[in-house]
Amino acid sequence: MTGIDAILYHNGFGMAAVGITIVFTALVVLSLVISQLHKLLIIWDDRETYINKACRFFSVLKPKGGLVPKKAKKESKAAYVINIKESSRQFSILIQSIGEPFSLPELIRIAESLGIERPYSTVSHLIAGNLIIPDQKGFFLWNHEAYNSLSRRS
């Protein structure tokens, strides 16, 4: 069997039509994506604005009381104070061993090697709490007065 009879027998015209349809559909979709790409790039450039709008929209949908009960907020603040006291004690001992003034990268490297949890965020909290202060020469010092007042608090 050869020629048109073979094409008809093996459904060649149907396969050709399906192939042409697939290729044509893909080309149409590709041309639509390319023609609208500039709109996607504008949205990408202003993504901060769109994210802020979405956050404001979803904050309106949140219940007024918030997701955390008031008792849990007080407990989490107490847990934070206990954690910062423990962290400040650990870092005080560590800073005494390496000496003052010290560099933050060295302090964090040593803290990581000793297995202290989350050294970057802990050092950030200690700086925010004025327990670690800059010496204006690129190094840092331990604020003993702030540490003593923190350790005296209950």
N, C-alpha and C. Protein backbone atom coordinates (compact mmCIF):
# COMPACT_ATOMS: atom_id res chain seq x y z
N MET A 1 0.85 -1.16 0.00
CA MET A 1 0.00 0.00 0.00
C MET A 1 0.90 1.24 0.00
N THR A 2 0.65 2.12 -0.94
CA THR A 2 1.45 3.32 -1.08
C THR A 2 0.55 4.48 -1.45
N GLY A 3 1.11 5.68 -1.29
CA GLY A 3 0.40 6.88 -1.74
C GLY A 3 -0.70 7.30 -0.78
N ILE A 4 -1.79 7.79 -1.37
CA ILE A 4 -2.91 8.33 -0.59
C ILE A 4 -3.60 7.23 0.20
N ASP A 5 -3.66 6.03 -0.33
CA ASP A 5 -4.29 4.92 0.40
C ASP A 5 -3.57 4.66 1.72
N ALA A 6 -2.24 4.71 1.73
CA ALA A 6 -1.46 4.49 2.96
C ALA A 6 -1.68 5.63 3.95
N ILE A 7 -1.77 6.84 3.41
CA ILE A 7 -2.01 7.99 4.30
C ILE A 7 -3.38 7.87 4.94
N LEU A 8 -4.39 7.52 4.17
CA LEU A 8 -5.75 7.36 4.70
C LEU A 8 -5.82 6.18 5.68
N TYR A 9 -5.14 5.09 5.38
CA TYR A 9 -5.19 3.90 6.22
C TYR A 9 -4.56 4.17 7.60
N HIS A 10 -3.48 4.91 7.65
CA HIS A 10 -2.79 5.19 8.91
C HIS A 10 -3.21 6.53 9.52
N ASN A 11 -4.30 7.10 9.05
CA ASN A 11 -4.89 8.33 9.60
C ASN A 11 -3.90 9.50 9.51
N GLY A 12 -3.20 9.62 8.41
CA GLY A 12 -2.17 10.62 8.21
C GLY A 12 -2.71 12.03 8.13
N PHE A 13 -3.88 12.22 7.51
CA PHE A 13 -4.43 13.56 7.40
C PHE A 13 -4.87 14.08 8.78
N GLY A 14 -5.39 13.21 9.61
CA GLY A 14 -5.79 13.61 10.97
C GLY A 14 -4.58 13.98 11.82
N MET A 15 -3.52 13.18 11.69
CA MET A 15 -2.30 13.50 12.44
C MET A 15 -1.69 14.81 11.96
N ALA A 16 -1.72 15.06 10.68
CA ALA A 16 -1.19 16.32 10.14
C ALA A 16 -2.01 17.50 10.66
N ALA A 17 -3.33 17.34 10.72
CA ALA A 17 -4.20 18.42 11.20
C ALA A 17 -3.93 18.70 12.69
N VAL A 18 -3.78 17.65 13.47
CA VAL A 18 -3.49 17.83 14.90
C VAL A 18 -2.13 18.50 15.08
N GLY A 19 -1.13 18.12 14.32
CA GLY A 19 0.20 18.72 14.41
C GLY A 19 0.17 20.19 14.06
N ILE A 20 -0.52 20.52 12.98
CA ILE A 20 -0.63 21.92 12.57
C ILE A 20 -1.36 22.72 13.64
N THR A 21 -2.42 22.15 14.23
CA THR A 21 -3.17 22.84 15.28
C THR A 21 -2.30 23.10 16.50
N ILE A 22 -1.51 22.12 16.91
CA ILE A 22 -0.63 22.28 18.08
C ILE A 22 0.40 23.36 17.82
N VAL A 23 1.03 23.34 16.66
CA VAL A 23 2.05 24.33 16.34
C VAL A 23 1.43 25.72 16.26
N PHE A 24 0.29 25.85 15.61
CA PHE A 24 -0.38 27.14 15.48
C PHE A 24 -0.79 27.69 16.84
N THR A 25 -1.34 26.82 17.72
CA THR A 25 -1.73 27.25 19.06
C THR A 25 -0.52 27.71 19.86
N ALA A 26 0.58 27.00 19.76
CA ALA A 26 1.79 27.38 20.48
C ALA A 26 2.31 28.73 20.00
N LEU A 27 2.27 28.97 18.69
CA LEU A 27 2.73 30.25 18.15
C LEU A 27 1.82 31.40 18.58
N VAL A 28 0.51 31.17 18.64
CA VAL A 28 -0.42 32.20 19.10
C VAL A 28 -0.17 32.54 20.56
N VAL A 29 0.00 31.52 21.40
CA VAL A 29 0.28 31.75 22.82
C VAL A 29 1.60 32.49 22.99
N LEU A 30 2.62 32.10 22.25
CA LEU A 30 3.91 32.77 22.32
C LEU A 30 3.81 34.24 21.91
N SER A 31 3.06 34.52 20.85
CA SER A 31 2.91 35.91 20.43
C SER A 31 2.13 36.72 21.46
N LEU A 32 1.14 36.14 22.12
CA LEU A 32 0.40 36.85 23.17
C LEU A 32 1.30 37.14 24.37
N VAL A 33 2.12 36.20 24.75
CA VAL A 33 3.03 36.42 25.88
C VAL A 33 4.03 37.52 25.55
N ILE A 34 4.58 37.50 24.36
CA ILE A 34 5.54 38.52 23.97
C ILE A 34 4.88 39.89 23.89
N SER A 35 3.64 39.94 23.39
CA SER A 35 2.97 41.24 23.27
C SER A 35 2.59 41.83 24.62
N GLN A 36 2.44 41.01 25.66
CA GLN A 36 2.06 41.51 26.99
C GLN A 36 3.23 41.54 27.97
N LEU A 37 4.40 41.22 27.52
CA LEU A 37 5.57 41.15 28.38
C LEU A 37 5.90 42.49 29.01
N HIS A 38 5.68 43.58 28.31
CA HIS A 38 5.97 44.90 28.87
C HIS A 38 5.13 45.19 30.10
N LYS A 39 3.89 44.69 30.14
CA LYS A 39 3.03 44.88 31.32
C LYS A 39 3.57 44.10 32.51
N LEU A 40 4.07 42.90 32.27
CA LEU A 40 4.64 42.12 33.35
C LEU A 40 5.91 42.77 33.89
N LEU A 41 6.69 43.37 33.03
CA LEU A 41 7.92 44.05 33.48
C LEU A 41 7.59 45.29 34.30
N ILE A 42 6.53 46.01 33.95
CA ILE A 42 6.10 47.17 34.75
C ILE A 42 5.68 46.71 36.14
N ILE A 43 4.92 45.63 36.21
CA ILE A 43 4.50 45.09 37.51
C ILE A 43 5.72 44.63 38.30
N TRP A 44 6.68 44.00 37.64
CA TRP A 44 7.89 43.53 38.33
C TRP A 44 8.68 44.71 38.90
N ASP A 45 8.77 45.82 38.15
CA ASP A 45 9.51 46.98 38.63
C ASP A 45 8.84 47.62 39.83
N ASP A 46 7.51 47.60 39.89
CA ASP A 46 6.77 48.21 41.00
C ASP A 46 6.23 47.16 41.96
N ARG A 47 6.93 46.05 42.11
CA ARG A 47 6.42 44.95 42.94
C ARG A 47 6.25 45.34 44.40
N GLU A 48 7.08 46.26 44.92
CA GLU A 48 6.95 46.70 46.31
C GLU A 48 5.59 47.36 46.52
N THR A 49 5.17 48.18 45.57
CA THR A 49 3.88 48.85 45.68
C THR A 49 2.76 47.84 45.69
N TYR A 50 2.82 46.86 44.79
CA TYR A 50 1.77 45.86 44.72
C TYR A 50 1.76 44.97 45.96
N ILE A 51 2.91 44.66 46.50
CA ILE A 51 2.99 43.85 47.72
C ILE A 51 2.39 44.62 48.89
N ASN A 52 2.70 45.91 49.01
CA ASN A 52 2.14 46.73 50.09
C ASN A 52 0.63 46.82 49.97
N LYS A 53 0.12 46.98 48.74
CA LYS A 53 -1.33 47.04 48.55
C LYS A 53 -1.98 45.72 48.95
N ALA A 54 -1.34 44.61 48.59
CA ALA A 54 -1.89 43.30 48.95
C ALA A 54 -1.87 43.09 50.46
N CYS A 55 -0.80 43.54 51.12
CA CYS A 55 -0.72 43.40 52.58
C CYS A 55 -1.81 44.22 53.25
N ARG A 56 -2.04 45.45 52.75
CA ARG A 56 -3.10 46.27 53.34
C ARG A 56 -4.46 45.64 53.11
N PHE A 57 -4.66 45.05 51.93
CA PHE A 57 -5.93 44.40 51.64
C PHE A 57 -6.18 43.23 52.58
N PHE A 58 -5.16 42.39 52.77
CA PHE A 58 -5.34 41.23 53.62
C PHE A 58 -5.38 41.59 55.10
N SER A 59 -4.78 42.72 55.49
CA SER A 59 -4.87 43.14 56.89
C SER A 59 -6.29 43.58 57.23
N VAL A 60 -7.04 44.06 56.25
CA VAL A 60 -8.44 44.43 56.47
C VAL A 60 -9.26 43.18 56.74
N LEU A 61 -8.88 42.06 56.13
CA LEU A 61 -9.62 40.82 56.30
C LEU A 61 -9.34 40.13 57.63
N LYS A 62 -8.25 40.52 58.32
CA LYS A 62 -7.90 39.88 59.60
C LYS A 62 -8.92 40.26 60.66
N PRO A 63 -9.16 39.38 61.62
CA PRO A 63 -10.04 39.74 62.73
C PRO A 63 -9.42 40.86 63.55
N LYS A 64 -10.26 41.67 64.17
CA LYS A 64 -9.79 42.84 64.92
C LYS A 64 -8.91 42.46 66.10
N GLY A 65 -9.19 41.37 66.76
CA GLY A 65 -8.44 40.98 67.95
C GLY A 65 -7.04 40.49 67.64
N GLY A 66 -6.73 40.22 66.39
CA GLY A 66 -5.42 39.69 66.06
C GLY A 66 -5.41 38.18 66.19
N LEU A 67 -4.33 37.58 65.83
CA LEU A 67 -4.24 36.13 65.87
C LEU A 67 -3.71 35.60 67.20
N VAL A 68 -3.00 36.46 67.97
CA VAL A 68 -2.39 36.01 69.22
C VAL A 68 -3.18 36.59 70.39
N PRO A 69 -3.64 35.75 71.32
CA PRO A 69 -4.32 36.28 72.50
C PRO A 69 -3.39 37.15 73.33
N LYS A 70 -3.97 38.02 74.15
CA LYS A 70 -3.16 38.96 74.93
C LYS A 70 -2.24 38.25 75.92
N LYS A 71 -2.68 37.16 76.51
CA LYS A 71 -1.84 36.43 77.45
C LYS A 71 -0.60 35.88 76.77
N ALA A 72 -0.76 35.40 75.56
CA ALA A 72 0.38 34.84 74.83
C ALA A 72 1.40 35.92 74.50
N LYS A 73 0.93 37.15 74.24
CA LYS A 73 1.86 38.24 73.96
C LYS A 73 2.73 38.52 75.18
N LYS A 74 2.14 38.54 76.36
CA LYS A 74 2.92 38.78 77.58
C LYS A 74 3.91 37.65 77.82
N GLU A 75 3.47 36.41 77.58
CA GLU A 75 4.35 35.27 77.79
C GLU A 75 5.51 35.29 76.79
N SER A 76 5.25 35.68 75.55
CA SER A 76 6.33 35.71 74.57
C SER A 76 7.33 36.81 74.91
N LYS A 77 6.85 37.95 75.47
CA LYS A 77 7.77 39.01 75.89
C LYS A 77 8.63 38.51 77.05
N ALA A 78 8.03 37.78 77.99
CA ALA A 78 8.80 37.24 79.10
C ALA A 78 9.83 36.23 78.61
N ALA A 79 9.45 35.39 77.64
CA ALA A 79 10.39 34.42 77.09
C ALA A 79 11.53 35.13 76.38
N TYR A 80 11.22 36.25 75.70
CA TYR A 80 12.26 37.02 75.02
C TYR A 80 13.25 37.58 76.02
N VAL A 81 12.76 38.13 77.13
CA VAL A 81 13.65 38.71 78.14
C VAL A 81 14.54 37.63 78.73
N ILE A 82 13.98 36.45 79.01
CA ILE A 82 14.79 35.35 79.54
C ILE A 82 15.84 34.93 78.52
N ASN A 83 15.44 34.84 77.24
CA ASN A 83 16.38 34.43 76.20
C ASN A 83 17.49 35.46 76.02
N ILE A 84 17.15 36.75 76.06
CA ILE A 84 18.18 37.77 75.86
C ILE A 84 19.11 37.81 77.06
N LYS A 85 18.59 37.52 78.25
CA LYS A 85 19.48 37.46 79.43
C LYS A 85 20.47 36.31 79.29
N GLU A 86 19.97 35.16 78.88
CA GLU A 86 20.84 33.99 78.70
C GLU A 86 21.86 34.25 77.60
N SER A 87 21.40 34.83 76.50
CA SER A 87 22.31 35.12 75.39
C SER A 87 23.35 36.15 75.80
N SER A 88 22.93 37.16 76.54
CA SER A 88 23.90 38.18 76.97
C SER A 88 24.92 37.57 77.93
N ARG A 89 24.50 36.63 78.76
CA ARG A 89 25.45 35.96 79.64
C ARG A 89 26.47 35.16 78.84
N GLN A 90 25.97 34.41 77.83
CA GLN A 90 26.87 33.62 76.99
C GLN A 90 27.86 34.51 76.25
N PHE A 91 27.35 35.59 75.66
CA PHE A 91 28.23 36.46 74.87
C PHE A 91 29.16 37.25 75.77
N SER A 92 28.75 37.56 77.00
CA SER A 92 29.65 38.24 77.93
C SER A 92 30.87 37.37 78.22
N ILE A 93 30.63 36.10 78.48
CA ILE A 93 31.73 35.17 78.73
C ILE A 93 32.60 35.02 77.49
N LEU A 94 31.97 34.93 76.34
CA LEU A 94 32.71 34.77 75.09
C LEU A 94 33.57 36.00 74.80
N ILE A 95 33.03 37.19 75.04
CA ILE A 95 33.78 38.42 74.78
C ILE A 95 34.93 38.56 75.78
N GLN A 96 34.72 38.13 77.02
CA GLN A 96 35.81 38.17 77.99
C GLN A 96 36.96 37.28 77.54
N SER A 97 36.62 36.15 76.92
CA SER A 97 37.67 35.22 76.50
C SER A 97 38.43 35.73 75.26
N ILE A 98 37.76 36.45 74.35
CA ILE A 98 38.49 36.92 73.17
C ILE A 98 39.08 38.31 73.37
N GLY A 99 38.62 39.03 74.37
CA GLY A 99 39.18 40.34 74.69
C GLY A 99 38.47 41.47 73.95
N GLU A 100 38.65 42.67 74.50
CA GLU A 100 38.05 43.86 73.90
C GLU A 100 39.14 44.76 73.40
N PRO A 101 38.94 45.52 72.39
CA PRO A 101 37.80 45.55 71.46
C PRO A 101 37.83 44.32 70.56
N PHE A 102 36.68 43.98 70.01
CA PHE A 102 36.55 42.78 69.19
C PHE A 102 35.84 43.13 67.89
N SER A 103 36.01 42.26 66.90
CA SER A 103 35.29 42.46 65.63
C SER A 103 34.06 41.55 65.62
N LEU A 104 32.99 42.05 65.05
CA LEU A 104 31.75 41.27 65.01
C LEU A 104 31.89 39.98 64.20
N PRO A 105 32.54 40.00 63.02
CA PRO A 105 32.67 38.73 62.29
C PRO A 105 33.41 37.66 63.08
N GLU A 106 34.43 38.06 63.82
CA GLU A 106 35.17 37.09 64.63
C GLU A 106 34.28 36.56 65.76
N LEU A 107 33.52 37.46 66.40
CA LEU A 107 32.62 37.04 67.48
C LEU A 107 31.58 36.05 66.96
N ILE A 108 30.99 36.35 65.82
CA ILE A 108 29.97 35.46 65.25
C ILE A 108 30.58 34.13 64.83
N ARG A 109 31.78 34.16 64.25
CA ARG A 109 32.45 32.92 63.84
C ARG A 109 32.72 32.03 65.04
N ILE A 110 33.20 32.63 66.12
CA ILE A 110 33.49 31.84 67.32
C ILE A 110 32.20 31.31 67.94
N ALA A 111 31.15 32.15 67.95
CA ALA A 111 29.86 31.71 68.51
C ALA A 111 29.30 30.54 67.70
N GLU A 112 29.42 30.60 66.37
CA GLU A 112 28.96 29.49 65.54
C GLU A 112 29.76 28.23 65.82
N SER A 113 31.07 28.37 65.98
CA SER A 113 31.91 27.19 66.23
C SER A 113 31.60 26.57 67.58
N LEU A 114 31.14 27.37 68.54
CA LEU A 114 30.78 26.84 69.85
C LEU A 114 29.36 26.30 69.90
N GLY A 115 28.59 26.48 68.84
CA GLY A 115 27.24 25.93 68.77
C GLY A 115 26.17 26.83 69.38
N ILE A 116 26.44 28.11 69.53
CA ILE A 116 25.43 29.03 70.03
C ILE A 116 24.37 29.21 68.95
N GLU A 117 23.10 29.09 69.34
CA GLU A 117 22.02 29.16 68.37
C GLU A 117 21.82 30.58 67.85
N ARG A 118 21.59 30.69 66.56
CA ARG A 118 21.26 31.95 65.88
C ARG A 118 22.18 33.10 66.29
N PRO A 119 23.49 32.98 66.05
CA PRO A 119 24.41 34.03 66.51
C PRO A 119 24.19 35.38 65.83
N TYR A 120 23.79 35.38 64.55
CA TYR A 120 23.59 36.65 63.85
C TYR A 120 22.46 37.45 64.48
N SER A 121 21.30 36.81 64.68
CA SER A 121 20.17 37.54 65.25
C SER A 121 20.43 37.89 66.71
N THR A 122 21.14 37.04 67.43
CA THR A 122 21.45 37.35 68.83
C THR A 122 22.36 38.56 68.92
N VAL A 123 23.38 38.63 68.09
CA VAL A 123 24.27 39.79 68.09
C VAL A 123 23.49 41.03 67.69
N SER A 124 22.57 40.89 66.74
CA SER A 124 21.74 42.03 66.34
C SER A 124 20.90 42.53 67.50
N HIS A 125 20.32 41.62 68.28
CA HIS A 125 19.53 42.02 69.45
C HIS A 125 20.43 42.66 70.52
N LEU A 126 21.62 42.15 70.68
CA LEU A 126 22.53 42.72 71.67
C LEU A 126 22.97 44.13 71.26
N ILE A 127 23.15 44.35 69.97
CA ILE A 127 23.48 45.70 69.50
C ILE A 127 22.29 46.63 69.69
N ALA A 128 21.09 46.14 69.38
CA ALA A 128 19.88 46.97 69.55
C ALA A 128 19.64 47.29 71.03
N GLY A 129 20.01 46.39 71.92
CA GLY A 129 19.86 46.62 73.35
C GLY A 129 21.03 47.36 73.97
N ASN A 130 21.93 47.87 73.16
CA ASN A 130 23.11 48.63 73.59
C ASN A 130 24.03 47.82 74.51
N LEU A 131 24.03 46.52 74.36
CA LEU A 131 24.97 45.69 75.11
C LEU A 131 26.30 45.60 74.36
N ILE A 132 26.24 45.68 73.05
CA ILE A 132 27.43 45.76 72.22
C ILE A 132 27.42 47.14 71.57
N ILE A 133 28.49 47.90 71.80
CA ILE A 133 28.54 49.27 71.30
C ILE A 133 29.80 49.46 70.45
N PRO A 134 29.73 50.31 69.41
CA PRO A 134 30.91 50.53 68.56
C PRO A 134 31.91 51.43 69.27
N ASP A 135 33.20 51.25 68.94
CA ASP A 135 34.24 52.09 69.53
C ASP A 135 34.71 53.18 68.57
N GLN A 136 34.00 53.36 67.46
CA GLN A 136 34.29 54.38 66.44
C GLN A 136 35.60 54.12 65.70
N LYS A 137 36.19 52.94 65.85
CA LYS A 137 37.40 52.60 65.13
C LYS A 137 37.20 51.32 64.31
N GLY A 138 35.96 50.89 64.15
CA GLY A 138 35.68 49.68 63.39
C GLY A 138 35.53 48.43 64.24
N PHE A 139 35.73 48.57 65.55
CA PHE A 139 35.58 47.45 66.45
C PHE A 139 34.43 47.73 67.43
N PHE A 140 34.17 46.78 68.31
CA PHE A 140 33.05 46.91 69.23
C PHE A 140 33.51 46.61 70.65
N LEU A 141 32.74 47.13 71.60
CA LEU A 141 33.01 46.94 73.03
C LEU A 141 31.77 46.38 73.70
N TRP A 142 31.97 45.69 74.81
CA TRP A 142 30.87 45.18 75.62
C TRP A 142 30.49 46.25 76.64
N ASN A 143 29.22 46.60 76.69
CA ASN A 143 28.71 47.63 77.60
C ASN A 143 28.43 46.98 78.95
N HIS A 144 29.36 47.07 79.88
CA HIS A 144 29.23 46.40 81.17
C HIS A 144 28.10 47.00 82.01
N GLU A 145 27.89 48.31 81.92
CA GLU A 145 26.82 48.94 82.71
C GLU A 145 25.44 48.43 82.27
N ALA A 146 25.21 48.36 80.96
CA ALA A 146 23.92 47.87 80.46
C ALA A 146 23.74 46.40 80.82
N TYR A 147 24.83 45.62 80.76
CA TYR A 147 24.75 44.20 81.10
C TYR A 147 24.41 44.03 82.59
N ASN A 148 25.05 44.83 83.45
CA ASN A 148 24.77 44.72 84.89
C ASN A 148 23.34 45.14 85.20
N SER A 149 22.83 46.18 84.54
CA SER A 149 21.44 46.58 84.80
C SER A 149 20.47 45.54 84.27
N LEU A 150 20.80 44.88 83.16
CA LEU A 150 19.93 43.82 82.63
C LEU A 150 19.93 42.62 83.54
N SER A 151 21.09 42.25 84.09
CA SER A 151 21.16 41.06 84.93
C SER A 151 20.52 41.31 86.31
N ARG A 152 20.43 42.59 86.73
CA ARG A 152 19.77 42.89 88.01
C ARG A 152 18.26 42.81 87.90
N ARG A 153 17.70 43.06 86.68
CA ARG A 153 16.25 43.01 86.51
C ARG A 153 15.74 41.57 86.67
N SER A 154 14.54 41.45 87.19
CA SER A 154 13.97 40.11 87.38
C SER A 154 13.17 39.67 86.19
